[in-house]
Amino acid sequence: MLFSPYPKTRREELFDREGELKEIEEAVKRGERLILLLGLRRLGKSSLLNVALNELPNPSIKVDVRKTYSEFSSVNRYIIGKMLLSAMSGKRKLLKEAKAFLERVRGITFSGIQVEISPGDFSITELLEALNDYGENAGRVVIAFDEAQYLRFGGATRYDGILAYAVDNLENLTFILTGSEVGLLFDFLKFDDPDAPLFGRYHHDIVLNRFSPDMSAEFLRKGFGEANFPVTEGEIEDTVRELDGIPGWLALYGYIRVTRNLRHDEAINEVLGEAKSLVQTELSRLFAYSPRYRVILKGIALGYSRWKDIKDYLTLKLGHINDSNFSALLENLVKSGYVEKKEGEYTIPDPVLQKVFREL
């Protein structure tokens, strides 16, 4: 269903992303080697990526780097190699066709359809070279890293250097990187740093925007129509005002109403409750590191938008902080995607999180 709260895998499950799908398809067809899929949380980047990979004629591999980091507390070369091979193992045809190339990689061994990695000998660069050789016959191999900013936790493994080598030398590979923490992703990639491996490398950026009010209303109408669930135009208009074009929140609202048969106001409150839970999970480490983050977010949510006004609010609540430390905290929130800076003003771009942060 259109309101499913889970990442989508088929085109008919998406809404209004035809242009972005076509852009990915054409970029891969042109032989682009590095594609960035960017946007706020809950805009549907993972769903768009899933559908694109399923529809591309090219063999593809996907690794959810955030999941990998959460599970292993590391994204070293062995872990990423293991995840790449695990993704390939889920596609028997791909693994069978690429087997002859993969067997040449140090540290990779096959036992029937099972593939293993020996950590001491394994080279992720050799793995990519083998996939590139396979891609010469297959047409091109697409390798996707979802939430790629977590690659910065590679320890001794410099993924920016590996990507630079691949972009320069492996012409049959296309990398697609997604990132909801756009600032942290660009901090990792360092395209503008003359001393960084990826300095000056071309990258094709595809940015997902929130739905317009009209598009949000149409999404809700179509989803409720699909579920044969009656709603009023007034409820749709109020939902658009409350959730402001974030597909993830709109879908959750619709899903809750349809599956639990709730009234409009009850469903809105449930969405806000879910957002509070997500905040506690996503930001628990940040708040534990410094309670000032919580106060900064609340101040911005309350309408303090200028650097000085936010700092004054923080000082009033928690006492003195020097300018450089305050700027660093504020910049971290911008890089993490929770705060947006435009023309010298700071705002919280997600309207649901803004309501949650107001009550912190």
Protein backbone atom coordinates (compact mmCIF):
# COMPACT_ATOMS: atom_id res chain seq x y z
CA MET A 1 0.00 0.00 0.00
CA LEU A 2 1.07 3.59 -0.62
CA PHE A 3 0.96 4.29 3.13
CA SER A 4 3.26 1.40 4.05
CA PRO A 5 5.79 2.71 6.62
CA TYR A 6 8.51 0.43 5.29
CA PRO A 7 11.03 1.17 2.51
CA LYS A 8 9.48 0.59 -0.90
CA THR A 9 10.90 -1.75 -3.54
CA ARG A 10 8.58 -1.30 -6.56
CA ARG A 11 7.79 1.70 -8.76
CA GLU A 12 4.05 1.50 -8.10
CA GLU A 13 4.72 1.92 -4.38
CA LEU A 14 6.44 5.28 -4.94
CA PHE A 15 4.68 8.61 -5.35
CA ASP A 16 5.95 11.51 -7.45
CA ARG A 17 9.57 10.35 -7.82
CA GLU A 18 9.48 9.59 -11.55
CA GLY A 19 11.90 12.41 -12.32
CA GLU A 20 14.47 11.24 -9.78
CA LEU A 21 14.18 7.63 -10.97
CA LYS A 22 14.79 8.71 -14.55
CA GLU A 23 17.75 10.83 -13.49
CA ILE A 24 19.39 7.86 -11.75
CA GLU A 25 18.74 5.61 -14.75
CA GLU A 26 20.21 8.11 -17.21
CA ALA A 27 23.24 8.82 -15.02
CA VAL A 28 24.08 5.10 -14.81
CA LYS A 29 23.48 4.67 -18.54
CA ARG A 30 25.91 7.53 -19.24
CA GLY A 31 28.53 5.77 -17.18
CA GLU A 32 28.61 8.20 -14.23
CA ARG A 33 30.94 6.78 -11.60
CA LEU A 34 29.77 8.64 -8.48
CA ILE A 35 26.14 9.57 -7.79
CA LEU A 36 24.99 11.22 -4.55
CA LEU A 37 21.36 10.85 -3.49
CA LEU A 38 20.70 13.56 -0.90
CA GLY A 39 17.87 14.85 1.25
CA LEU A 40 16.41 15.14 4.74
CA ARG A 41 15.41 12.09 6.75
CA ARG A 42 12.09 10.51 5.85
CA LEU A 43 11.98 11.92 2.32
CA GLY A 44 12.23 8.43 0.80
CA LYS A 45 15.87 8.14 -0.28
CA SER A 46 16.13 4.47 0.65
CA SER A 47 12.86 3.67 -1.13
CA LEU A 48 13.98 5.52 -4.24
CA LEU A 49 17.31 3.70 -4.16
CA ASN A 50 15.64 0.29 -3.77
CA VAL A 51 13.32 0.88 -6.71
CA ALA A 52 16.11 2.23 -8.89
CA LEU A 53 18.34 -0.77 -8.21
CA ASN A 54 15.48 -3.17 -8.91
CA GLU A 55 14.68 -1.50 -12.23
CA LEU A 56 18.19 -0.93 -13.56
CA PRO A 57 19.29 -3.57 -16.07
CA ASN A 58 22.72 -3.61 -14.43
CA PRO A 59 23.78 -6.00 -11.66
CA SER A 60 23.69 -4.11 -8.37
CA ILE A 61 24.79 -4.47 -4.75
CA LYS A 62 23.55 -2.46 -1.76
CA VAL A 63 24.97 -2.05 1.73
CA ASP A 64 23.12 -0.20 4.50
CA VAL A 65 26.15 1.35 6.20
CA ARG A 66 24.23 2.66 9.22
CA LYS A 67 22.85 -0.83 9.91
CA THR A 68 26.33 -2.27 9.47
CA TYR A 69 27.84 0.24 11.89
CA SER A 70 25.04 -0.33 14.42
CA GLU A 71 25.53 -4.10 14.27
CA PHE A 72 29.32 -4.29 14.28
CA SER A 73 30.35 -0.88 15.74
CA SER A 74 32.75 -0.74 12.83
CA VAL A 75 32.84 -0.47 9.07
CA ASN A 76 36.37 -1.73 8.45
CA ARG A 77 37.30 -3.31 5.13
CA TYR A 78 36.51 -6.83 6.33
CA ILE A 79 33.01 -5.85 7.50
CA ILE A 80 32.17 -3.92 4.33
CA GLY A 81 33.56 -6.73 2.18
CA LYS A 82 31.46 -9.21 4.09
CA MET A 83 28.35 -7.07 3.60
CA LEU A 84 29.02 -6.67 -0.14
CA LEU A 85 29.41 -10.42 -0.57
CA SER A 86 26.34 -11.04 1.60
CA ALA A 87 24.32 -8.75 -0.67
CA MET A 88 25.62 -10.64 -3.68
CA SER A 89 24.75 -13.99 -2.09
CA GLY A 90 21.13 -12.86 -2.02
CA LYS A 91 21.29 -12.63 -5.81
CA ARG A 92 22.28 -16.12 -6.95
CA LYS A 93 22.55 -15.18 -10.63
CA LEU A 94 24.91 -12.30 -9.86
CA LEU A 95 27.10 -14.37 -7.56
CA LYS A 96 27.26 -17.24 -10.06
CA GLU A 97 28.23 -14.95 -12.94
CA ALA A 98 30.84 -13.07 -10.86
CA LYS A 99 32.30 -16.13 -9.15
CA ALA A 100 35.16 -16.62 -11.60
CA PHE A 101 36.28 -13.03 -11.01
CA LEU A 102 35.82 -13.10 -7.23
CA GLU A 103 37.88 -16.28 -6.82
CA ARG A 104 40.95 -14.26 -7.83
CA VAL A 105 40.59 -11.95 -4.81
CA ARG A 106 42.89 -12.67 -1.90
CA GLY A 107 41.00 -13.80 1.19
CA ILE A 108 37.81 -14.87 -0.64
CA THR A 109 37.00 -18.58 -0.79
CA PHE A 110 34.00 -20.44 -2.19
CA SER A 111 32.40 -23.61 -0.90
CA GLY A 112 29.56 -24.43 -3.24
CA ILE A 113 27.33 -21.37 -3.13
CA GLN A 114 28.81 -20.20 0.18
CA VAL A 115 31.46 -17.49 0.10
CA GLU A 116 33.77 -16.57 2.97
CA ILE A 117 36.35 -13.87 3.71
CA SER A 118 39.64 -14.34 5.53
CA PRO A 119 40.17 -10.99 7.32
CA GLY A 120 43.95 -11.05 7.29
CA ASP A 121 44.34 -11.49 3.53
CA PHE A 122 41.29 -9.66 2.21
CA SER A 123 41.65 -6.53 0.07
CA ILE A 124 38.54 -4.48 -0.64
CA THR A 125 40.33 -2.78 -3.53
CA GLU A 126 40.92 -6.17 -5.14
CA LEU A 127 37.23 -6.97 -4.64
CA LEU A 128 36.24 -3.79 -6.47
CA GLU A 129 38.76 -4.56 -9.25
CA ALA A 130 37.21 -8.01 -9.65
CA LEU A 131 33.71 -6.50 -9.83
CA ASN A 132 35.00 -4.00 -12.39
CA ASP A 133 36.34 -6.86 -14.54
CA TYR A 134 32.99 -8.63 -14.21
CA GLY A 135 31.27 -5.35 -15.14
CA GLU A 136 33.14 -5.28 -18.45
CA ASN A 137 31.07 -8.29 -19.48
CA ALA A 138 27.90 -7.41 -17.55
CA GLY A 139 27.75 -3.84 -18.86
CA ARG A 140 28.32 -2.05 -15.53
CA VAL A 141 28.03 -2.91 -11.82
CA VAL A 142 26.21 -0.51 -9.49
CA ILE A 143 27.37 -0.45 -5.86
CA ALA A 144 25.15 1.48 -3.44
CA PHE A 145 26.05 2.61 0.06
CA ASP A 146 22.94 3.74 1.92
CA GLU A 147 23.70 6.34 4.66
CA ALA A 148 27.27 6.49 3.41
CA GLN A 149 28.38 9.10 5.97
CA TYR A 150 28.99 6.16 8.33
CA LEU A 151 31.91 5.11 6.13
CA ARG A 152 33.88 7.72 8.08
CA PHE A 153 34.07 5.13 10.88
CA GLY A 154 36.36 2.96 8.77
CA GLY A 155 39.25 3.14 11.23
CA ALA A 156 42.43 2.36 9.34
CA THR A 157 40.45 1.90 6.11
CA ARG A 158 40.23 5.15 4.13
CA TYR A 159 37.07 4.76 2.09
CA ASP A 160 37.46 8.20 0.55
CA GLY A 161 40.78 7.03 -0.87
CA ILE A 162 39.28 3.76 -2.08
CA LEU A 163 36.43 5.65 -3.76
CA ALA A 164 38.90 8.05 -5.40
CA TYR A 165 40.90 5.13 -6.78
CA ALA A 166 37.73 3.45 -8.06
CA VAL A 167 36.36 6.63 -9.65
CA ASP A 168 39.68 7.21 -11.43
CA ASN A 169 40.45 3.66 -12.53
CA LEU A 170 37.44 1.34 -12.45
CA GLU A 171 35.37 2.46 -15.41
CA ASN A 172 32.77 -0.29 -15.13
CA LEU A 173 31.60 0.61 -11.63
CA THR A 174 29.02 3.18 -10.56
CA PHE A 175 28.77 4.11 -6.87
CA ILE A 176 25.53 5.53 -5.49
CA LEU A 177 25.85 7.11 -2.05
CA THR A 178 22.86 8.29 -0.02
CA GLY A 179 23.04 10.55 3.00
CA SER A 180 20.45 12.19 5.23
CA GLU A 181 23.22 13.78 7.30
CA VAL A 182 24.40 15.71 4.27
CA GLY A 183 26.95 17.84 6.10
CA LEU A 184 28.62 14.79 7.60
CA LEU A 185 28.60 13.03 4.23
CA PHE A 186 30.39 15.95 2.58
CA ASP A 187 32.76 16.18 5.56
CA PHE A 188 33.69 12.57 4.84
CA LEU A 189 34.01 12.99 1.07
CA LYS A 190 35.90 16.34 1.26
CA PHE A 191 35.45 17.30 -2.40
CA ASP A 192 36.73 20.82 -1.67
CA ASP A 193 39.82 19.85 0.35
CA PRO A 194 42.99 19.96 -1.80
CA ASP A 195 44.64 17.44 0.54
CA ALA A 196 41.78 14.90 0.35
CA PRO A 197 41.69 11.94 -2.07
CA LEU A 198 38.38 12.96 -3.68
CA PHE A 199 39.30 16.60 -4.20
CA GLY A 200 37.95 17.88 -7.50
CA ARG A 201 36.26 14.60 -8.46
CA TYR A 202 33.01 14.97 -10.40
CA HIS A 203 29.86 13.74 -8.64
CA HIS A 204 26.30 13.78 -9.93
CA ASP A 205 23.98 15.03 -7.16
CA ILE A 206 20.28 14.17 -6.99
CA VAL A 207 18.44 16.05 -4.24
CA LEU A 208 15.06 14.90 -2.94
CA ASN A 209 12.77 17.72 -1.84
CA ARG A 210 9.68 17.58 0.33
CA PHE A 211 6.29 17.42 -1.35
CA SER A 212 4.52 20.67 -2.20
CA PRO A 213 1.22 21.27 -0.34
CA ASP A 214 -0.75 20.22 -3.43
CA MET A 215 1.37 17.11 -3.88
CA SER A 216 1.04 16.21 -0.18
CA ALA A 217 -2.75 16.49 -0.42
CA GLU A 218 -2.80 14.34 -3.56
CA PHE A 219 -0.60 11.73 -1.86
CA LEU A 220 -3.06 11.52 1.03
CA ARG A 221 -6.09 11.35 -1.25
CA LYS A 222 -4.55 8.58 -3.32
CA GLY A 223 -3.44 6.59 -0.27
CA PHE A 224 -6.81 6.78 1.45
CA GLY A 225 -8.55 6.00 -1.84
CA GLU A 226 -6.35 2.94 -2.28
CA ALA A 227 -7.35 1.78 1.21
CA ASN A 228 -11.02 2.72 0.66
CA PHE A 229 -10.87 4.75 3.87
CA PRO A 230 -13.13 7.86 4.08
CA VAL A 231 -11.56 11.19 5.11
CA THR A 232 -12.65 14.80 4.71
CA GLU A 233 -10.91 17.51 2.73
CA GLY A 234 -10.60 19.46 5.98
CA GLU A 235 -8.65 16.61 7.56
CA ILE A 236 -6.36 16.39 4.53
CA GLU A 237 -5.70 20.14 4.60
CA ASP A 238 -4.97 20.08 8.32
CA THR A 239 -2.61 17.12 7.92
CA VAL A 240 -0.70 18.94 5.18
CA ARG A 241 -0.33 21.97 7.46
CA GLU A 242 0.85 19.83 10.37
CA LEU A 243 3.25 17.52 8.51
CA ASP A 244 4.36 19.90 5.72
CA GLY A 245 5.39 17.66 2.87
CA ILE A 246 7.58 15.06 4.62
CA PRO A 247 6.54 11.78 2.91
CA GLY A 248 7.57 9.59 5.85
CA TRP A 249 5.30 11.43 8.28
CA LEU A 250 2.42 11.65 5.79
CA ALA A 251 2.63 7.91 5.15
CA LEU A 252 2.78 7.13 8.86
CA TYR A 253 -0.30 9.27 9.51
CA GLY A 254 -2.20 7.46 6.76
CA TYR A 255 -1.01 4.03 7.88
CA ILE A 256 -2.04 4.66 11.48
CA ARG A 257 -5.50 5.90 10.50
CA VAL A 258 -6.16 3.05 8.10
CA THR A 259 -4.81 0.15 10.16
CA ARG A 260 -6.06 1.33 13.55
CA ASN A 261 -9.20 3.19 12.43
CA LEU A 262 -8.27 6.30 14.41
CA ARG A 263 -9.78 9.76 14.23
CA HIS A 264 -7.78 12.54 12.59
CA ASP A 265 -6.60 14.15 15.82
CA GLU A 266 -5.70 10.78 17.34
CA ALA A 267 -3.55 9.88 14.32
CA ILE A 268 -1.73 13.24 14.40
CA ASN A 269 -0.94 12.69 18.10
CA GLU A 270 0.32 9.19 17.33
CA VAL A 271 2.68 10.59 14.68
CA LEU A 272 4.03 13.11 17.20
CA GLY A 273 4.48 10.32 19.74
CA GLU A 274 6.39 8.24 17.21
CA ALA A 275 8.57 11.26 16.43
CA LYS A 276 9.37 11.67 20.14
CA SER A 277 10.49 8.05 20.30
CA LEU A 278 12.67 8.49 17.22
CA VAL A 279 14.26 11.60 18.72
CA GLN A 280 15.10 9.73 21.91
CA THR A 281 16.69 6.94 19.87
CA GLU A 282 18.47 9.01 17.22
CA LEU A 283 19.74 11.76 19.49
CA SER A 284 20.40 9.89 22.73
CA ARG A 285 24.16 9.78 22.13
CA LEU A 286 24.25 13.43 21.14
CA PHE A 287 22.32 14.50 24.26
CA ALA A 288 24.49 12.28 26.45
CA TYR A 289 27.61 13.89 25.00
CA SER A 290 26.36 17.40 25.77
CA PRO A 291 23.00 18.51 27.26
CA ARG A 292 23.50 21.79 25.39
CA TYR A 293 22.34 20.14 22.17
CA ARG A 294 18.88 19.64 23.65
CA VAL A 295 18.61 23.30 24.69
CA ILE A 296 19.89 24.58 21.33
CA LEU A 297 17.27 22.52 19.48
CA LYS A 298 14.53 23.75 21.79
CA GLY A 299 15.61 27.36 21.35
CA ILE A 300 15.53 27.10 17.55
CA ALA A 301 12.15 25.30 17.71
CA LEU A 302 10.81 28.18 19.82
CA GLY A 303 11.79 30.65 17.12
CA TYR A 304 15.28 31.84 18.02
CA SER A 305 16.90 31.83 14.60
CA ARG A 306 19.95 34.11 14.78
CA TRP A 307 23.32 32.91 16.09
CA LYS A 308 23.35 35.50 18.90
CA ASP A 309 19.75 34.87 19.95
CA ILE A 310 20.28 31.11 20.12
CA LYS A 311 23.49 31.57 22.15
CA ASP A 312 21.73 33.99 24.53
CA TYR A 313 18.93 31.44 25.04
CA LEU A 314 21.46 28.68 25.75
CA THR A 315 23.38 30.92 28.18
CA LEU A 316 20.18 31.82 30.01
CA LYS A 317 19.30 28.14 30.47
CA LEU A 318 22.70 26.53 31.14
CA GLY A 319 25.20 29.31 31.82
CA HIS A 320 28.18 30.71 29.94
CA ILE A 321 29.68 29.06 26.85
CA ASN A 322 32.42 30.56 24.71
CA ASP A 323 31.72 31.48 21.09
CA SER A 324 33.86 28.78 19.48
CA ASN A 325 32.35 25.94 21.51
CA PHE A 326 28.82 27.19 20.80
CA SER A 327 29.54 27.50 17.07
CA ALA A 328 30.91 23.94 17.02
CA LEU A 329 27.74 22.56 18.66
CA LEU A 330 25.50 24.47 16.27
CA GLU A 331 27.54 23.37 13.25
CA ASN A 332 27.29 19.73 14.35
CA LEU A 333 23.50 19.99 14.37
CA VAL A 334 23.58 21.49 10.87
CA LYS A 335 25.86 18.73 9.60
CA SER A 336 23.60 16.10 11.13
CA GLY A 337 20.62 17.48 9.23
CA TYR A 338 18.51 18.41 12.26
CA VAL A 339 19.11 22.13 11.74
CA GLU A 340 19.26 24.09 8.49
CA LYS A 341 21.09 27.37 7.93
CA LYS A 342 19.87 29.81 5.28
CA GLU A 343 20.86 33.45 4.92
CA GLY A 344 22.25 33.60 8.43
CA GLU A 345 19.19 32.07 10.10
CA TYR A 346 18.86 28.64 11.68
CA THR A 347 15.66 26.60 11.44
CA ILE A 348 14.49 23.03 11.97
CA PRO A 349 13.41 21.86 8.49
CA ASP A 350 11.26 18.95 9.69
CA PRO A 351 7.97 20.39 11.04
CA VAL A 352 7.19 17.32 13.13
CA LEU A 353 10.59 17.35 14.82
CA GLN A 354 10.20 21.08 15.37
CA LYS A 355 7.07 20.38 17.43
CA VAL A 356 8.90 17.64 19.34
CA PHE A 357 11.98 19.80 20.03
CA ARG A 358 9.71 22.59 21.29
CA GLU A 359 8.67 20.27 24.14
CA LEU A 360 12.16 19.02 25.04
